[in-house]
Amino acid sequence: AKLEVLDDRLSYRVRRSSQNRSTEPEKLDERV
């Protein structure tokens, strides 16, 4: 259940970041 909550809470941010290949330092820092 914790794994599912983690997926719901954070996966969209990681997936969204991987599709947006910005090289701006602020965006890269946010993705990291």
All heavy atoms as atom14 arrays in JSON, in Angstrom:
{
  "sequence": "AKLEVLDDRLSYRVRRSSQNRSTEPEKLDERV",
  "atom14_mask": [
    [1, 1, 1, 1, 1, 0, 0, 0, 0, 0, 0, 0, 0, 0],
    [1, 1, 1, 1, 1, 1, 1, 1, 1, 0, 0, 0, 0, 0],
    [1, 1, 1, 1, 1, 1, 1, 1, 0, 0, 0, 0, 0, 0],
    [1, 1, 1, 1, 1, 1, 1, 1, 1, 0, 0, 0, 0, 0],
    [1, 1, 1, 1, 1, 1, 1, 0, 0, 0, 0, 0, 0, 0],
    [1, 1, 1, 1, 1, 1, 1, 1, 0, 0, 0, 0, 0, 0],
    [1, 1, 1, 1, 1, 1, 1, 1, 0, 0, 0, 0, 0, 0],
    [1, 1, 1, 1, 1, 1, 1, 1, 0, 0, 0, 0, 0, 0],
    [1, 1, 1, 1, 1, 1, 1, 1, 1, 1, 1, 0, 0, 0],
    [1, 1, 1, 1, 1, 1, 1, 1, 0, 0, 0, 0, 0, 0],
    [1, 1, 1, 1, 1, 1, 0, 0, 0, 0, 0, 0, 0, 0],
    [1, 1, 1, 1, 1, 1, 1, 1, 1, 1, 1, 1, 0, 0],
    [1, 1, 1, 1, 1, 1, 1, 1, 1, 1, 1, 0, 0, 0],
    [1, 1, 1, 1, 1, 1, 1, 0, 0, 0, 0, 0, 0, 0],
    [1, 1, 1, 1, 1, 1, 1, 1, 1, 1, 1, 0, 0, 0],
    [1, 1, 1, 1, 1, 1, 1, 1, 1, 1, 1, 0, 0, 0],
    [1, 1, 1, 1, 1, 1, 0, 0, 0, 0, 0, 0, 0, 0],
    [1, 1, 1, 1, 1, 1, 0, 0, 0, 0, 0, 0, 0, 0],
    [1, 1, 1, 1, 1, 1, 1, 1, 1, 0, 0, 0, 0, 0],
    [1, 1, 1, 1, 1, 1, 1, 1, 0, 0, 0, 0, 0, 0],
    [1, 1, 1, 1, 1, 1, 1, 1, 1, 1, 1, 0, 0, 0],
    [1, 1, 1, 1, 1, 1, 0, 0, 0, 0, 0, 0, 0, 0],
    [1, 1, 1, 1, 1, 1, 1, 0, 0, 0, 0, 0, 0, 0],
    [1, 1, 1, 1, 1, 1, 1, 1, 1, 0, 0, 0, 0, 0],
    [1, 1, 1, 1, 1, 1, 1, 0, 0, 0, 0, 0, 0, 0],
    [1, 1, 1, 1, 1, 1, 1, 1, 1, 0, 0, 0, 0, 0],
    [1, 1, 1, 1, 1, 1, 1, 1, 1, 0, 0, 0, 0, 0],
    [1, 1, 1, 1, 1, 1, 1, 1, 0, 0, 0, 0, 0, 0],
    [1, 1, 1, 1, 1, 1, 1, 1, 0, 0, 0, 0, 0, 0],
    [1, 1, 1, 1, 1, 1, 1, 1, 1, 0, 0, 0, 0, 0],
    [1, 1, 1, 1, 1, 1, 1, 1, 1, 1, 1, 0, 0, 0],
    [1, 1, 1, 1, 1, 1, 1, 0, 0, 0, 0, 0, 0, 0]
  ],
  "atom14_positions": [
    [[0.84, -1.2, 0.0], [0.0, 0.0, 0.0], [0.88, 1.25, 0.0], [0.56, 2.23, -0.68], [-0.93, -0.01, 1.21], [0.0, 0.0, 0.0], [0.0, 0.0, 0.0], [0.0, 0.0, 0.0], [0.0, 0.0, 0.0], [0.0, 0.0, 0.0], [0.0, 0.0, 0.0], [0.0, 0.0, 0.0], [0.0, 0.0, 0.0], [0.0, 0.0, 0.0]],
    [[1.99, 1.23, 0.76], [2.92, 2.36, 0.76], [3.51, 2.56, -0.63], [3.71, 3.69, -1.08], [4.04, 2.13, 1.76], [3.62, 2.26, 3.19], [4.8, 1.99, 4.11], [4.41, 1.98, 5.56], [5.57, 1.69, 6.43], [0.0, 0.0, 0.0], [0.0, 0.0, 0.0], [0.0, 0.0, 0.0], [0.0, 0.0, 0.0], [0.0, 0.0, 0.0]],
    [[3.8, 1.46, -1.31], [4.34, 1.54, -2.66], [3.33, 2.19, -3.61], [3.7, 3.04, -4.43], [4.72, 0.15, -3.16], [5.31, 0.06, -4.55], [6.62, 0.84, -4.63], [5.54, -1.39, -4.93], [0.0, 0.0, 0.0], [0.0, 0.0, 0.0], [0.0, 0.0, 0.0], [0.0, 0.0, 0.0], [0.0, 0.0, 0.0], [0.0, 0.0, 0.0]],
    [[2.07, 1.82, -3.48], [1.05, 2.42, -4.33], [0.88, 3.91, -4.06], [0.72, 4.71, -4.98], [-0.28, 1.68, -4.15], [-0.26, 0.29, -4.75], [-1.58, -0.42, -4.61], [-2.23, -0.28, -3.54], [-1.96, -1.11, -5.55], [0.0, 0.0, 0.0], [0.0, 0.0, 0.0], [0.0, 0.0, 0.0], [0.0, 0.0, 0.0], [0.0, 0.0, 0.0]],
    [[0.95, 4.3, -2.78], [0.86, 5.72, -2.44], [2.04, 6.49, -3.02], [1.89, 7.58, -3.56], [0.76, 5.9, -0.9], [0.95, 7.35, -0.51], [-0.56, 5.37, -0.38], [0.0, 0.0, 0.0], [0.0, 0.0, 0.0], [0.0, 0.0, 0.0], [0.0, 0.0, 0.0], [0.0, 0.0, 0.0], [0.0, 0.0, 0.0], [0.0, 0.0, 0.0]],
    [[3.22, 5.9, -2.9], [4.42, 6.52, -3.47], [4.26, 6.7, -4.98], [4.57, 7.76, -5.52], [5.65, 5.67, -3.16], [6.97, 6.12, -3.78], [7.39, 7.48, -3.23], [8.05, 5.09, -3.53], [0.0, 0.0, 0.0], [0.0, 0.0, 0.0], [0.0, 0.0, 0.0], [0.0, 0.0, 0.0], [0.0, 0.0, 0.0], [0.0, 0.0, 0.0]],
    [[3.78, 5.69, -5.63], [3.57, 5.76, -7.08], [2.58, 6.87, -7.43], [2.84, 7.69, -8.31], [3.08, 4.42, -7.6], [2.88, 4.41, -9.1], [3.76, 4.95, -9.82], [1.87, 3.87, -9.57], [0.0, 0.0, 0.0], [0.0, 0.0, 0.0], [0.0, 0.0, 0.0], [0.0, 0.0, 0.0], [0.0, 0.0, 0.0], [0.0, 0.0, 0.0]],
    [[1.47, 6.92, -6.7], [0.46, 7.95, -6.97], [1.0, 9.35, -6.71], [0.68, 10.29, -7.43], [-0.78, 7.73, -6.09], [-1.57, 6.51, -6.48], [-1.37, 6.0, -7.61], [-2.39, 6.04, -5.66], [0.0, 0.0, 0.0], [0.0, 0.0, 0.0], [0.0, 0.0, 0.0], [0.0, 0.0, 0.0], [0.0, 0.0, 0.0], [0.0, 0.0, 0.0]],
    [[1.83, 9.48, -5.69], [2.29, 10.79, -5.27], [3.45, 11.33, -6.09], [3.54, 12.53, -6.35], [2.7, 10.71, -3.8], [2.84, 12.03, -3.11], [2.94, 11.87, -1.6], [3.91, 10.9, -1.18], [5.2, 11.15, -1.0], [5.68, 12.34, -1.22], [6.01, 10.2, -0.61], [0.0, 0.0, 0.0], [0.0, 0.0, 0.0], [0.0, 0.0, 0.0]],
    [[4.37, 10.47, -6.53], [5.6, 10.97, -7.15], [5.85, 10.53, -8.59], [6.59, 11.19, -9.3], [6.81, 10.56, -6.3], [6.91, 11.22, -4.92], [8.1, 10.65, -4.16], [7.04, 12.71, -5.06], [0.0, 0.0, 0.0], [0.0, 0.0, 0.0], [0.0, 0.0, 0.0], [0.0, 0.0, 0.0], [0.0, 0.0, 0.0], [0.0, 0.0, 0.0]],
    [[5.28, 9.44, -9.02], [5.61, 8.94, -10.36], [5.27, 9.93, -11.46], [6.03, 10.08, -12.42], [4.88, 7.62, -10.64], [5.44, 6.6, -9.89], [0.0, 0.0, 0.0], [0.0, 0.0, 0.0], [0.0, 0.0, 0.0], [0.0, 0.0, 0.0], [0.0, 0.0, 0.0], [0.0, 0.0, 0.0], [0.0, 0.0, 0.0], [0.0, 0.0, 0.0]],
    [[4.17, 10.63, -11.32], [3.81, 11.58, -12.38], [4.86, 12.68, -12.51], [5.12, 13.15, -13.6], [2.42, 12.18, -12.12], [2.42, 13.28, -11.09], [2.52, 14.62, -11.49], [2.33, 13.01, -9.73], [2.54, 15.64, -10.56], [2.34, 14.02, -8.8], [2.44, 15.33, -9.21], [2.46, 16.33, -8.29], [0.0, 0.0, 0.0], [0.0, 0.0, 0.0]],
    [[5.47, 13.08, -11.38], [6.5, 14.12, -11.44], [7.74, 13.62, -12.17], [8.35, 14.34, -12.94], [6.86, 14.61, -10.05], [5.74, 15.4, -9.45], [5.93, 15.95, -8.07], [7.21, 15.85, -7.43], [7.37, 15.97, -6.13], [6.33, 16.15, -5.34], [8.56, 15.88, -5.59], [0.0, 0.0, 0.0], [0.0, 0.0, 0.0], [0.0, 0.0, 0.0]],
    [[8.11, 12.38, -11.91], [9.3, 11.82, -12.55], [9.03, 11.59, -14.03], [9.86, 11.91, -14.88], [9.74, 10.52, -11.85], [10.87, 9.85, -12.59], [10.15, 10.82, -10.41], [0.0, 0.0, 0.0], [0.0, 0.0, 0.0], [0.0, 0.0, 0.0], [0.0, 0.0, 0.0], [0.0, 0.0, 0.0], [0.0, 0.0, 0.0], [0.0, 0.0, 0.0]],
    [[7.86, 11.06, -14.36], [7.51, 10.83, -15.77], [7.43, 12.15, -16.53], [7.92, 12.27, -17.63], [6.19, 10.09, -15.87], [6.29, 8.65, -15.52], [5.0, 7.92, -15.86], [4.97, 6.66, -15.17], [4.11, 6.34, -14.22], [3.16, 7.18, -13.87], [4.16, 5.16, -13.62], [0.0, 0.0, 0.0], [0.0, 0.0, 0.0], [0.0, 0.0, 0.0]],
    [[6.79, 13.14, -15.91], [6.65, 14.45, -16.54], [8.04, 15.04, -16.8], [8.3, 15.58, -17.86], [5.86, 15.39, -15.62], [5.81, 16.83, -16.08], [5.12, 17.72, -15.06], [5.58, 17.51, -13.7], [6.54, 18.24, -13.11], [7.13, 19.2, -13.77], [6.91, 18.0, -11.87], [0.0, 0.0, 0.0], [0.0, 0.0, 0.0], [0.0, 0.0, 0.0]],
    [[8.93, 14.91, -15.84], [10.27, 15.45, -15.99], [11.06, 14.75, -17.09], [11.85, 15.37, -17.77], [11.03, 15.34, -14.67], [10.42, 16.13, -13.69], [0.0, 0.0, 0.0], [0.0, 0.0, 0.0], [0.0, 0.0, 0.0], [0.0, 0.0, 0.0], [0.0, 0.0, 0.0], [0.0, 0.0, 0.0], [0.0, 0.0, 0.0], [0.0, 0.0, 0.0]],
    [[10.85, 13.45, -17.24], [11.61, 12.72, -18.25], [11.16, 13.09, -19.67], [11.92, 12.97, -20.61], [11.5, 11.22, -18.04], [10.19, 10.78, -18.27], [0.0, 0.0, 0.0], [0.0, 0.0, 0.0], [0.0, 0.0, 0.0], [0.0, 0.0, 0.0], [0.0, 0.0, 0.0], [0.0, 0.0, 0.0], [0.0, 0.0, 0.0], [0.0, 0.0, 0.0]],
    [[9.93, 13.56, -19.8], [9.44, 13.98, -21.11], [9.87, 15.39, -21.45], [9.95, 15.76, -22.61], [7.91, 13.88, -21.15], [7.42, 12.46, -21.04], [5.92, 12.4, -20.85], [5.24, 13.4, -20.7], [5.39, 11.18, -20.82], [0.0, 0.0, 0.0], [0.0, 0.0, 0.0], [0.0, 0.0, 0.0], [0.0, 0.0, 0.0], [0.0, 0.0, 0.0]],
    [[10.15, 16.18, -20.44], [10.57, 17.57, -20.63], [12.09, 17.63, -20.5], [12.63, 17.66, -19.42], [9.89, 18.46, -19.59], [10.25, 19.91, -19.75], [10.86, 20.3, -20.73], [9.87, 20.71, -18.78], [0.0, 0.0, 0.0], [0.0, 0.0, 0.0], [0.0, 0.0, 0.0], [0.0, 0.0, 0.0], [0.0, 0.0, 0.0], [0.0, 0.0, 0.0]],
    [[12.8, 17.67, -21.59], [14.26, 17.59, -21.62], [14.92, 18.97, -21.52], [15.88, 19.25, -22.22], [14.74, 16.89, -22.88], [14.25, 15.48, -23.02], [15.1, 14.59, -22.19], [14.68, 13.21, -22.41], [14.98, 12.25, -21.58], [15.68, 12.48, -20.52], [14.57, 11.03, -21.82], [0.0, 0.0, 0.0], [0.0, 0.0, 0.0], [0.0, 0.0, 0.0]],
    [[14.4, 19.82, -20.67], [14.96, 21.15, -20.5], [16.37, 21.08, -19.92], [16.66, 20.23, -19.08], [14.06, 21.97, -19.58], [14.65, 23.21, -19.31], [0.0, 0.0, 0.0], [0.0, 0.0, 0.0], [0.0, 0.0, 0.0], [0.0, 0.0, 0.0], [0.0, 0.0, 0.0], [0.0, 0.0, 0.0], [0.0, 0.0, 0.0], [0.0, 0.0, 0.0]],
    [[17.23, 21.96, -20.38], [18.6, 22.0, -19.85], [18.82, 23.19, -18.93], [19.94, 23.47, -18.55], [19.62, 22.05, -20.99], [19.35, 23.19, -21.8], [19.58, 20.79, -21.82], [0.0, 0.0, 0.0], [0.0, 0.0, 0.0], [0.0, 0.0, 0.0], [0.0, 0.0, 0.0], [0.0, 0.0, 0.0], [0.0, 0.0, 0.0], [0.0, 0.0, 0.0]],
    [[17.74, 23.88, -18.57], [17.84, 24.99, -17.64], [18.27, 24.44, -16.28], [17.73, 23.45, -15.8], [16.51, 25.71, -17.5], [16.01, 26.34, -18.78], [14.61, 26.89, -18.61], [14.26, 27.32, -17.49], [13.87, 26.87, -19.59], [0.0, 0.0, 0.0], [0.0, 0.0, 0.0], [0.0, 0.0, 0.0], [0.0, 0.0, 0.0], [0.0, 0.0, 0.0]],
    [[19.26, 25.08, -15.64], [19.75, 24.56, -14.34], [18.65, 24.38, -13.29], [18.66, 23.41, -12.55], [20.76, 25.62, -13.91], [21.19, 26.28, -15.17], [20.0, 26.23, -16.08], [0.0, 0.0, 0.0], [0.0, 0.0, 0.0], [0.0, 0.0, 0.0], [0.0, 0.0, 0.0], [0.0, 0.0, 0.0], [0.0, 0.0, 0.0], [0.0, 0.0, 0.0]],
    [[17.69, 25.3, -13.25], [16.62, 25.19, -12.26], [15.75, 23.96, -12.51], [15.36, 23.26, -11.59], [15.74, 26.45, -12.27], [16.47, 27.71, -11.87], [17.25, 28.35, -13.02], [16.99, 28.02, -14.2], [18.15, 29.15, -12.72], [0.0, 0.0, 0.0], [0.0, 0.0, 0.0], [0.0, 0.0, 0.0], [0.0, 0.0, 0.0], [0.0, 0.0, 0.0]],
    [[15.46, 23.71, -13.78], [14.64, 22.55, -14.14], [15.39, 21.24, -13.88], [14.81, 20.28, -13.41], [14.21, 22.62, -15.61], [13.32, 23.78, -15.94], [11.96, 23.59, -15.33], [11.05, 24.73, -15.74], [9.73, 24.63, -15.14], [0.0, 0.0, 0.0], [0.0, 0.0, 0.0], [0.0, 0.0, 0.0], [0.0, 0.0, 0.0], [0.0, 0.0, 0.0]],
    [[16.68, 21.23, -14.2], [17.48, 20.04, -13.94], [17.54, 19.75, -12.45], [17.42, 18.6, -12.02], [18.89, 20.2, -14.51], [19.02, 20.18, -16.02], [20.45, 20.53, -16.43], [18.62, 18.83, -16.58], [0.0, 0.0, 0.0], [0.0, 0.0, 0.0], [0.0, 0.0, 0.0], [0.0, 0.0, 0.0], [0.0, 0.0, 0.0], [0.0, 0.0, 0.0]],
    [[17.72, 20.79, -11.65], [17.78, 20.63, -10.2], [16.46, 20.08, -9.67], [16.44, 19.19, -8.81], [18.11, 21.97, -9.55], [18.39, 21.83, -8.07], [19.18, 20.92, -7.7], [17.84, 22.62, -7.28], [0.0, 0.0, 0.0], [0.0, 0.0, 0.0], [0.0, 0.0, 0.0], [0.0, 0.0, 0.0], [0.0, 0.0, 0.0], [0.0, 0.0, 0.0]],
    [[15.36, 20.58, -10.18], [14.04, 20.1, -9.76], [13.86, 18.62, -10.12], [13.36, 17.84, -9.32], [12.95, 20.95, -10.43], [11.54, 20.55, -10.06], [10.5, 21.38, -10.78], [10.8, 22.52, -11.18], [9.39, 20.87, -10.96], [0.0, 0.0, 0.0], [0.0, 0.0, 0.0], [0.0, 0.0, 0.0], [0.0, 0.0, 0.0], [0.0, 0.0, 0.0]],
    [[14.29, 18.25, -11.32], [14.17, 16.85, -11.75], [15.0, 15.93, -10.87], [14.56, 14.86, -10.47], [14.61, 16.71, -13.21], [13.61, 17.3, -14.19], [14.12, 17.36, -15.6], [14.63, 16.09, -16.08], [15.41, 15.96, -17.14], [15.77, 17.03, -17.82], [15.84, 14.78, -17.52], [0.0, 0.0, 0.0], [0.0, 0.0, 0.0], [0.0, 0.0, 0.0]],
    [[16.22, 16.37, -10.54], [17.09, 15.56, -9.68], [16.45, 15.41, -8.3], [16.47, 14.32, -7.72], [18.5, 16.19, -9.59], [19.32, 15.54, -8.5], [19.21, 16.06, -10.93], [0.0, 0.0, 0.0], [0.0, 0.0, 0.0], [0.0, 0.0, 0.0], [0.0, 0.0, 0.0], [0.0, 0.0, 0.0], [0.0, 0.0, 0.0], [0.0, 0.0, 0.0]]
  ]
}
